[in-house]
Protein backbone atom coordinates (compact mmCIF):
# COMPACT_ATOMS: atom_id res chain seq x y z
CA ARG A 1 186.35 37.83 293.85
CA ARG A 2 185.87 35.81 296.98
CA ARG A 3 188.78 33.87 298.48
CA TRP A 4 188.83 30.84 300.70
CA ARG A 5 191.64 29.86 302.99
CA THR A 6 192.62 26.23 303.27
CA PRO A 7 192.47 25.11 306.93
CA PRO A 8 195.91 24.40 308.43
CA ARG A 9 197.00 20.78 308.31
CA GLU A 10 198.21 19.00 311.38
CA ARG A 11 200.54 16.76 309.44
CA VAL A 12 202.73 17.19 306.41
CA GLY A 13 200.95 15.66 303.44
CA ALA A 14 202.10 14.87 299.93
CA MET A 15 203.00 17.57 297.45
CA PHE A 16 200.01 18.95 295.56
CA ILE A 17 198.96 21.86 293.35
CA LYS A 18 197.24 24.43 295.56
CA GLN A 19 196.76 27.24 293.04
CA VAL A 20 196.55 27.66 289.26
CA ILE A 21 196.98 31.05 287.57
CA ILE A 22 196.18 31.45 283.86
CA GLU A 23 196.33 34.47 281.57
CA GLY A 24 196.03 34.66 277.78
CA PHE A 25 195.96 30.88 277.43
CA LYS A 26 193.28 29.42 275.15
CA VAL A 27 189.85 30.65 276.35
CA TYR A 28 191.36 32.46 279.36
CA LYS A 29 192.07 35.95 278.03
CA ASP A 30 192.06 37.75 281.39
CA ARG A 31 193.99 36.63 284.43
CA VAL A 32 192.23 33.82 286.30
CA CYS A 33 193.36 32.53 289.68
CA VAL A 34 191.82 29.21 290.70
CA GLU A 35 192.15 28.34 294.38
CA PRO A 36 192.23 26.73 296.85
CA PHE A 37 192.96 23.10 296.06
CA THR A 38 193.53 20.49 298.74
CA GLU A 39 195.87 17.53 298.99
CA LYS A 40 192.87 15.22 298.76
CA HIS A 41 190.29 15.17 295.97
CA ASN A 42 189.35 18.23 293.94
CA CYS A 43 186.53 18.47 291.43
CA VAL A 44 186.28 21.05 288.64
CA VAL A 45 182.74 21.49 287.32
CA GLY A 46 181.14 23.79 284.79
CA ALA A 47 178.79 24.00 281.85
CA ASN A 48 179.79 22.98 278.34
CA GLY A 49 182.22 25.53 276.95
CA ALA A 50 183.16 26.85 280.38
CA GLY A 51 186.82 25.96 279.85
CA LYS A 52 187.23 22.74 281.84
CA SER A 53 189.24 20.97 279.12
CA ASN A 54 191.48 24.00 278.60
CA PHE A 55 192.00 24.23 282.36
CA PHE A 56 193.48 20.72 282.47
CA LEU A 57 195.36 21.42 279.24
CA ALA A 58 196.97 24.38 281.01
CA ILE A 59 198.21 22.09 283.79
CA GLN A 60 199.59 19.66 281.23
CA PHE A 61 201.24 22.58 279.46
CA VAL A 62 203.31 23.46 282.54
CA LEU A 63 204.10 19.89 283.56
CA GLY A 64 205.71 19.25 280.18
CA ASP A 65 203.29 16.80 278.63
CA MET A 66 205.00 14.98 275.75
CA ASN A 67 202.75 16.61 273.14
CA LEU A 68 203.43 20.09 274.56
CA HIS A 69 207.14 19.76 275.33
CA THR A 70 208.49 21.15 272.06
CA LEU A 71 206.22 23.56 270.21
CA ARG A 72 206.48 24.96 266.70
CA ALA A 73 205.48 28.56 265.94
CA GLU A 74 201.99 27.63 264.72
CA GLU A 75 201.44 25.43 267.79
CA ARG A 76 202.44 28.26 270.11
CA LYS A 77 200.05 30.59 268.31
CA ALA A 78 197.21 28.07 268.78
CA LEU A 79 197.70 28.27 272.57
CA LEU A 80 197.16 32.04 272.63
CA HIS A 81 193.67 33.43 273.20
CA GLU A 82 191.91 34.39 270.01
CA GLY A 83 188.85 36.56 270.30
CA SER A 84 187.48 40.05 270.05
CA GLY A 85 189.40 43.01 271.37
CA GLN A 86 193.13 43.46 271.70
CA HIS A 87 195.19 40.62 270.27
CA VAL A 88 197.02 38.48 272.84
CA LEU A 89 200.75 38.31 272.15
CA SER A 90 201.77 36.06 275.03
CA ALA A 91 200.24 33.80 277.64
CA TYR A 92 201.33 32.09 280.81
CA VAL A 93 200.23 29.40 283.19
CA GLU A 94 201.58 29.26 286.73
CA LEU A 95 201.24 26.33 289.11
CA VAL A 96 201.76 26.88 292.82
CA PHE A 97 202.84 23.71 294.61
CA ASP A 98 202.56 22.92 298.29
CA ASN A 99 206.03 21.47 298.77
CA ALA A 100 205.92 20.97 302.54
CA ASP A 101 207.02 17.35 302.13
CA GLY A 102 210.08 18.40 300.08
CA ARG A 103 209.19 16.19 297.14
CA LEU A 104 210.50 18.87 294.80
CA PRO A 105 214.22 19.26 295.58
CA VAL A 106 213.78 22.95 296.39
CA ASP A 107 214.31 24.30 299.90
CA ARG A 108 210.90 26.00 300.05
CA ALA A 109 207.48 24.94 301.30
CA GLU A 110 205.81 26.72 298.38
CA VAL A 111 207.11 26.51 294.81
CA ARG A 112 205.84 28.53 291.83
CA LEU A 113 206.44 27.13 288.37
CA ARG A 114 205.43 29.28 285.40
CA ARG A 115 205.57 28.63 281.68
CA THR A 116 205.22 31.59 279.33
CA VAL A 117 204.54 31.18 275.62
CA GLY A 118 204.42 33.67 272.75
CA LEU A 119 204.84 33.71 269.01
CA LYS A 120 208.63 33.65 269.39
CA LYS A 121 209.19 32.47 272.95
CA ASP A 122 208.59 29.51 275.22
CA GLU A 123 210.11 30.05 278.67
CA TYR A 124 210.03 28.58 282.16
CA PHE A 125 210.36 30.38 285.50
CA LEU A 126 210.82 28.85 288.93
CA ASP A 127 209.90 31.29 291.70
CA GLY A 128 210.52 34.13 289.25
CA LYS A 129 213.94 32.86 288.15
CA HIS A 130 214.40 31.91 284.50
CA MET A 131 215.21 28.25 283.91
CA THR A 132 215.87 26.16 280.84
CA LYS A 133 213.43 23.51 279.73
CA THR A 134 215.96 20.79 280.54
CA GLU A 135 216.40 22.09 284.09
CA VAL A 136 212.64 22.23 284.71
CA LEU A 137 211.95 18.79 283.29
CA SER A 138 214.81 17.34 285.33
CA LEU A 139 213.32 18.98 288.45
CA LEU A 140 209.88 17.53 287.70
CA GLU A 141 211.34 14.10 286.97
CA SER A 142 213.09 14.08 290.35
CA ALA A 143 209.65 14.53 291.92
CA GLY A 144 208.17 11.68 289.84
CA LEU A 145 206.51 13.98 287.29
CA SER A 146 208.30 12.64 284.26
CA ARG A 147 207.14 13.90 280.86
CA SER A 148 207.38 10.29 279.65
CA ASN A 149 204.85 9.28 282.33
CA PRO A 150 201.36 9.54 280.79
CA TYR A 151 199.60 8.91 284.11
CA ASN A 152 200.04 12.24 285.90
CA ILE A 153 196.77 13.28 284.26
CA VAL A 154 194.53 10.38 283.27
CA GLN A 155 192.34 11.38 280.34
CA GLN A 156 189.11 9.82 279.11
CA GLY A 157 189.56 6.28 277.84
CA LYS A 158 192.83 5.75 279.74
CA VAL A 159 191.22 3.71 282.51
CA THR A 160 189.86 1.17 280.03
CA GLN A 161 193.27 0.96 278.37
CA LEU A 162 194.97 0.33 281.73
CA ALA A 163 192.52 -2.41 282.57
CA CYS A 164 193.46 -4.31 279.40
CA LEU A 165 197.24 -4.26 279.93
CA THR A 166 199.25 -7.46 280.08
CA GLU A 167 201.30 -8.24 283.19
CA ALA A 168 204.51 -7.00 281.57
CA GLN A 169 202.81 -3.80 280.42
CA ARG A 170 201.28 -3.30 283.87
CA LEU A 171 204.72 -3.64 285.47
CA ALA A 172 206.15 -1.07 283.04
CA SER A 173 203.26 1.26 283.88
CA LEU A 174 203.90 0.92 287.61
CA GLU A 175 207.58 1.72 287.05
CA GLU A 176 206.57 4.84 285.11
CA ILE A 177 204.12 5.93 287.79
CA ALA A 178 206.63 5.34 290.60
CA GLY A 179 209.29 7.25 288.72
CA THR A 180 211.84 4.41 288.82
CA ARG A 181 212.06 4.40 285.04
CA VAL A 182 213.74 7.82 285.17
CA TYR A 183 216.62 6.42 287.23
CA ASP A 184 216.91 3.38 284.98
CA GLU A 185 217.19 5.69 281.97
CA LYS A 186 219.82 7.82 283.73
CA ARG A 187 221.76 4.69 284.69
CA ALA A 188 221.67 3.44 281.10
CA GLU A 189 222.85 6.84 279.90
CA SER A 190 225.71 6.81 282.45
CA GLU A 191 226.72 3.31 281.37
CA ARG A 192 226.70 4.42 277.73
CA ILE A 193 228.95 7.37 278.54
CA MET A 194 231.29 5.10 280.51
CA ALA A 195 231.48 2.67 277.58
CA GLU A 196 232.27 5.50 275.17
CA THR A 197 234.91 6.83 277.57
CA ALA A 198 236.47 3.39 277.85
CA GLY A 199 236.56 3.15 274.04
CA ARG A 200 238.25 6.53 273.73
CA ARG A 201 240.70 5.57 276.48
CA GLY A 202 241.61 2.41 274.54
CA LYS A 203 242.32 4.47 271.41
CA ILE A 204 244.43 6.93 273.42
CA GLU A 205 246.44 4.09 274.95
CA GLU A 206 246.94 2.61 271.49
CA THR A 207 248.17 5.99 270.20
CA LEU A 208 250.48 6.40 273.20
CA GLY A 209 251.88 2.92 272.57
CA TYR A 210 252.65 3.84 268.97
CA ILE A 211 254.27 7.13 270.06
CA ASN A 212 256.42 5.37 272.66
CA GLU A 213 257.46 2.78 270.09
CA ARG A 214 258.35 5.50 267.63
CA LEU A 215 260.32 7.38 270.31
CA GLY A 216 262.28 4.21 270.97
CA GLU A 217 263.11 3.93 267.28
CA LEU A 218 264.19 7.57 267.15
CA ASP A 219 266.39 7.09 270.23
CA SER A 220 268.08 4.16 268.50
CA GLU A 221 268.62 6.21 265.34
CA LYS A 222 269.97 9.08 267.45
CA ALA A 223 272.44 6.75 269.18
CA GLU A 224 273.62 5.39 265.81
CA LEU A 225 274.10 8.89 264.40
CA ALA A 226 276.05 9.93 267.49
CA GLN A 227 278.67 7.27 266.71
CA PHE A 228 279.65 9.02 263.47
């Protein structure tokens, strides 16, 4: 296999995927390492049936696309390679990010995010360290790669749909793309928690008031009994 080395960049560009590693996923039974990608435009070409669609599906799989976020057993099985030879029991897709600009809140210039799937497992690893799905999705959201944002990968027909949006829908789309919606959702969640806390505090204060009132009554009864 021949390798190419990406020329060094004079400036720090935006975060981008510079390598994709796939094994056991869909049509990719054996380990495939696709590189190098650049921070500019990349084009994946191939004949019909070469695996182009599954290649982009693999990227969506790691980035937590809404349809691939939570998988049932039969859905996990459908992602495993099915063909002649030894049966594939697990598969993984690993994305290697150029994080020189620090967009991912990880103190490394290169970040490796892997998702492994099997009949009874669905796991994430960040630079070899196991992470929960919630932790990974929170990390991606902080970099603007929210699973609720359908524009990280624009599929066929999406451009036409975007062109027909109303002004309000276009504004909502821009907020999703920019990642500001994530912070609005977190703010709303924080406000909800604060409101619930305030409600519980009110009930506690009401209970304390009743207890203090009852203590006062008991003190009065105690004083009356002490006179006899």
